[in-house]
Structures are given as structure tokens and as C-alpha cells.
């Protein structure tokens, strides 16, 4: 039968996915149109004086490192005075197309102070821009160089005007008291033919800029040379190279705002100008603008102007800034001209130059007005104050040498002589009366250096004294803030301010004297550290002739008094300490000052020391162990070196710190330290010391570890109740002839020594029971006496019935009919030889050994001996 399948009715879809394709194409096309319009950018023109360094399609326009356009065309302008560069600005650069926007070409530039545009060496020249304000614009005139720009951080932009640029360059620092507070960002020549310098001040320093601030140039070196001396100054090493500007701001001036304009002076003297005041008089007395104000023959200021008032004449005056401190409330001014008399003629030059104003300083705060006197005031006629100055030595001072205060002469030296006991130098001096208030308790003098050089990254200063001071010498009065107002006439002259401070601060220190075998590379002023913090200095180092040792005096600040007790120990510091072993390498570097001058460290040991005088230990390990110093004398011929250990039963009990050859050339002295907990056992008078070093023979190698570590000293404790610190050592243990406790000492007699040597073993039935300790030729010279011992636990097997023979190497007995008989001892006997012993009878009282019992040493054994058995 035929089956038919009914038809399926499928509902037709209203939307086909195929229809999405044209919609997506439409959206993609629209996005491409928008993107094309956006990327098409906007064309502008920039006029440059030359197209050098600019290339079509390659030169970009950048802002803060971001590309905002590129050059599309270059054409010569109609006047042929430059080129017109067509630039396509993309969507990033279009917001910058304003009337005040500036463009310039960036190319690599190199100078002694810096390198600019270094990135263009790889990417090529590019055009930079500085955004401006105003209406939209599409044609621009390029500026010849980068305009001043405010750095990324907030701050203040100032303008300084100068007659010339000097050594100042872009990037030069602006200093305030030698601290950089800003930089020069640009400079240009303005229309008034002056140099305009734009500087940026960091925000945190803007409070230092006042409306009355004074700026001056500190670029390069400043040399002031005259008969008064030579003065070479530089603000810093950086300012020598790249130039620099510094400023001063009065405290009572109001704050300045960004954009303020100042003058840039050539020097500090021009900028600060000094201190201004007014002199009042009923007449000008021939004084004019420029007339000098003189103090003891030195021009310290001048008259700056004059005007008539209802009460007479007011003279404007100014004192140079370096003498401004002399202007006080009680200062006196008076008119002085040429002094003509029958006896003398003073200041004849004033007949031509006109009168001057003489000055006399006083006390108290300065005033704005002073009366001008017509004659010398009484106070200026007072006699000089006489004082006495004591010094440890004469620092080149002569009669009439100047005494100065803040580089102002305040007196002179009358005489220089030795004291009656020749222990010090006495200096008589005169101080001008106006400076009597400076003569206070606590003040002191220091010599003025003929040449003073100070150099650092922050400052370079080279100063010389004036010619008279360089010839006759000069001293400076130094004030102490802790001084009293009490007048004194006795003073001290110190070598330097540092020495003066040391003397003044003596009461702040506690003094301790250490004992050392050498000077430990220390000197006066070497620092003392506790956990690498300086707590004092070395006062002095003195050699003690009586014991050929050194006394080292330390000065430790009293605030660290708690560190000084019977557990305190001191050790010298090495500039570089290296501890290398299988577990790694440890480096310990001393502080720089200590590395240069030597230094001492302080520590606290676990136990108290019983030593009357504290020693200076060679290192921290010896100090913390409170090691006791000793000396051991050895014969020459050993390779003992500094650092060698002192051991007992293979345990370290000390170390050797120095080895020196003695004057007899036959012995050496090892300076060593014993750790405190072992010292009482090994400082006894009968303590023995000997050298342990590698010995190579057919029997093997003794002490092979010394092949790497070097020889060391082994010790045997003594029994004496007396102590000592100097000992005589031996080059080997065998040379000590030590008999173990309880051992039996015997003497073997032989016609020839043969192969017997110190250490040769003594064997009983193949077991080692003793050894040879030493040997010597008999008094009559007919035989050799060999000293040996039998260990305590074997001495019952040896008595007067014992027989000894030499058991060495290999013995061969060959005969024609008896054949060959080979006899050997142990392998050690074969290599090093040995002595065999056999005993016939048991030990009894009648055959027991006596001390140093003597036996014959036979060359070989007898067959009957080998059959002996105890019964």
C-alpha cells in the first residue's frame, strides 16, 4: 500500500540575517568618513627664517612628547626672507591653534654646561609649540628659540634685568644661602638693549622672595687682588661651570608675586650696598657726594648726598655692608681735614681731595641719624687697653702684628717673648679703646693663616691675608656664645678654633689611658666609636721609653659615662676587615673618617677585667675575650706569622698579633694575647710553648692542616704559683723533653745514633708503649744517650730484665745453604724505624725501674729473647 506524507507548512520569517550585511557596511562606511574627516586635520602655515633641519613628511610637530602634526610642504616666501612651512595639525593639535601660540624648531645643541635636544639625534629635528590664548589662527611666525616656560611643578616666575649675561646659561641655579631654590629658564635681549633673564622659583621657596629682594651674579670665579691681599671666591663648583644667581631678602619686606621684576647686580657689594643713615650739621663743611667716611685710615663708606633743611644741612651717608656691624647707637662722626702744625703735617692729600668724616664705633643698636661733630670726641682720644696673651708656641708673630675682629683691625701686638720657665710664649698686646667691650671672659685668639683654602661641592674659597699680615703675622679674636660680660686682660692663643673648642670642652670629657705595644695608626683627633657612633676622640699618643710601649689617651664624652666600667674593652679598627671561609666572605668597612685617621671602638665584655691598666686590643674578638698580652721568644727558623693561633689540645686559647726580629738576629719575639678565661693557667712561669708546623717524612705528614693555615703555637700549662708575661718557646714539641704524667723515664745507650730520631716509637709485642724524647752525645764522646719514656699504663711490663733493640727497616739474612731469611717490623718501622723491647721477668721490687734507668740498645734481637714469657 502506498503511504503519502502530509505537507509541512513553514511560516516565512519577516527578517533575514542576510539583511545585516548592508547595515554593517553602512555603519563602517560612516565611521570611515568620520575618521577620515577627523584625521584629515587642519592645515596651518609657520614662517621660519630658514628651512635647515626641516623635511617634508618627516619633521613632526610635538607637544610634551606627543605628536600633534607634521610638515606637508615648504615654500619660499614672496620677499625671499624666509620659508613658509605648511603643517597639517591633527585633532590633538587643533585646540592649540590660538593667536598667542608659539612655534620653534628643536635641534641638538651642546655646550660646556649641558646638552639640549639629545632625542633629536635619533628622531630628527622637530617643531615644538607653547600653547597660548586668543582667537583661532592658522598662520604663525616661528620664534628663534624656546620661550620661557613654567616648569611642571607650581612656583613663581620672575624677571631679572642685567647689563650683560655673563656666564649665566639656561638651567643655571638660583641659590639662597647656597641652597638651590630655582633655575634660569630663558634669557633674551629686550628693546632697551638690556638682558632680560626669566627665572623660576620652586613653590616651597616662594616665601623667600620679597619685593625688596636683591639678586646678584655669582658665576665663575671672583678674584680680588691688591696690596691688601688676594681673595679668590666661588659660590659652588656648579656655579663655576654653568653660572649662578643668589639673592638676599630683608625680613621686614612684603611678599612678592609671580612676574615681579628685579635688577641683577654684578656683585654682592653692589646689590647690598651697605647701611644708609643721615648726618646732621649746621654746615656742610666742604663735604660733597663721594666724600669718604674713614675709620683708622680705612675707607668704610661715603657721603651719598646732601640737602638743606630748616635746621641746617643733612648729609646722606652709607657704610659698606662688610662694616655695617660697626654702626652702633653710640657711634661718633666728626669732620677731619689736613692737620697742619709746626711739628708735623698730617694728611696733606686732603688739601686737594677735601675733608673726610672720621668714625668711631660704639655700642647698642644703630640709629637713623647722627650728629656730625667738628672736633675729635674725647672717647676717641682714650689710650689703648693692654692685654696679655699666652700660647704654646709662636705662630710667626712679630712686633706690630695686627689683631683683628671680623677682619677689622682692633689692635696690635707689642712684644713676643718666652716665659721664664720656657714652657709657653707670652704675647703683650694693645687693643683700641673702642673695642674694650670685646675683651670678655671666654673669648680667645687664633692665628690668621697666610693662605686658607676651603673646597667642597657646595663652596670653593681661597683666601690670603693682606701683605703686612703675611709678613708680620696676625691673630683673630674669636667670641664664645657662653662668655660672660666680665672684662679680662688675660687670654689664650690656640692653634685653631678646633683646639680652642677642645680646651673649652675638657670638662665635658672623661679621660682614659690605654696601653699598647704600638701606636696602632692612631693620632690626635682619631675618633672613638661605640656601635659605629662617635663618642669621643684620641687626645694624644705618647711613647713610654722605660718599657718601649705606647700610652694612648682617650677623651670620651661624659654623657656616655655609663659605658665606662670594669667590663669596658677597647680595640683598634681596621680600614677594611675581610673574614673569608667556606661559609662565605664577610667585609667590615670602617667609617671614612676612621679609615683615614685611624680609630678605636669600645665594647662591653661579659665578664669584668682584673687588669689595672686597660690594653688596646688588636681586634674585637680579642677585646671581647679580654685577652691577656704576653711575649714569646723563639729561635729564628719558623714561619710563624701575625694572626697565628695559640692552641691547647687543639682548642684555641689566644692568638699571635705581631712578630718581630730581635736585634741579635737569632731570635724573634711574638706578641700574643691569651683569652682571659685561660690566662691564669698559661701565664704561669713554667708554661711551655712550642711551634706546630707540618713535617713531611717517609712515615707521613705531621700536622698537615698547617700546610694551609700556617704554623701555630701550642701550649702546655705550667704548675708554678708564679706568673710571667715573657716566655721562651721551642721550635718543636720534641725539644721540650716533656715526660707524660706517670710515665717511666729511661735512657738508652748506643754507639751510633743511626736512624733513631725524636719521636721514634718503642714497641712491646708490636704495640707502641712509648717513644724517644731526645738524644745527646755522652760527656766522654764514646756513645749516644737516648732519652725516652714508657707510658704509665705500660710501665709494669718494663723492668731491669728488659732488653731493647733497634727494629728498623727490612733485615735480610741470606746464606748459600741456609737460604734467605726476611725479617721486618711494622709498616711504620719500615718507613721511620722503631725500637722493640721484651721483658724476661715479672716486675718486682728488686727489679723495678728507677728514674732514668739506663739500658743498652742492641742493634738486633737474640732468638732466645723472643721466647721469653712471663711466668
Foldseek 3Di string as FASTA:
>chain_A
DDDDDDDDDDDDDPDDPVVVVVVVVVVVVVVVVVVCVQFQADKFKEWDQECVQADAPQAFEDEPRHTFWHWHDWAQDPVNRTIITIIGGGNVCQVQQFPPKAKEKFDWDDDQQDIGPPVCVPRTIYMYMDGDDHHGDRYYYHDHDDDFDADPADFAKEKEKELDDPLADFQAFEDEVLHGFWTWRDWDQDPVRIIITIITGHHVCQQQAFLLKFKEWQAAWDWDDDLQFIWIWHQFPSRNRNTYMYIHDDPPGHGDHHHYYYYYHHDPQVRVVADKAKEDDQECQFFAAAAFEDEPRDGFWTFHHKDADPRHIITIIGGGRLCNVQAAPPKAKEKDAWDDDPVDTPDPVCVPVPIHIYIFGADHHHDRYDYYHHDDDPLQVDFWDKFKEKEQDDPQAAFQAFEEESNHTFWGWHHWAADPVNRIIMTMITGRRRCQQVQFPPKAKEWDAQWDWDHDRRITIITGGRPSCVNRTYMYIDDDPPTDSDGDRYHYYDHDVVVSVCVVCQVQWDKAKAKFLDQQLAAFFQFEDEVLHTFWTWHGKAADPVVRIIITMITGGCVVVVLDDQQKAKEWDEQWDWDDDPVGIDIDHHPPSCNVRTYMYMDGAPDGDPDPHHHHHHDDVCRNLVWDKFKEKEFPDFPDAAFAFEDEPNHGFWGFHHWDQDPVNGMIMTIITGRPVCCVFQQAPPKAKEKDAWDQFLLGIGPVVCVPVNIHIYIDGDDHPHGHRYYYYYHDPLVVLDDDPQKAKAKEKAQDCPLADFFAFEDEVQHTFWTWRHKDADPVRRIIITIIIGDRVCLQQDWQQKAKEWQAAKDWDADPPVGIDIDHHDPSRNGRTHMYMHGQEGDDPVTHDDHHHYHYYHHDDDPVRVPHDYD
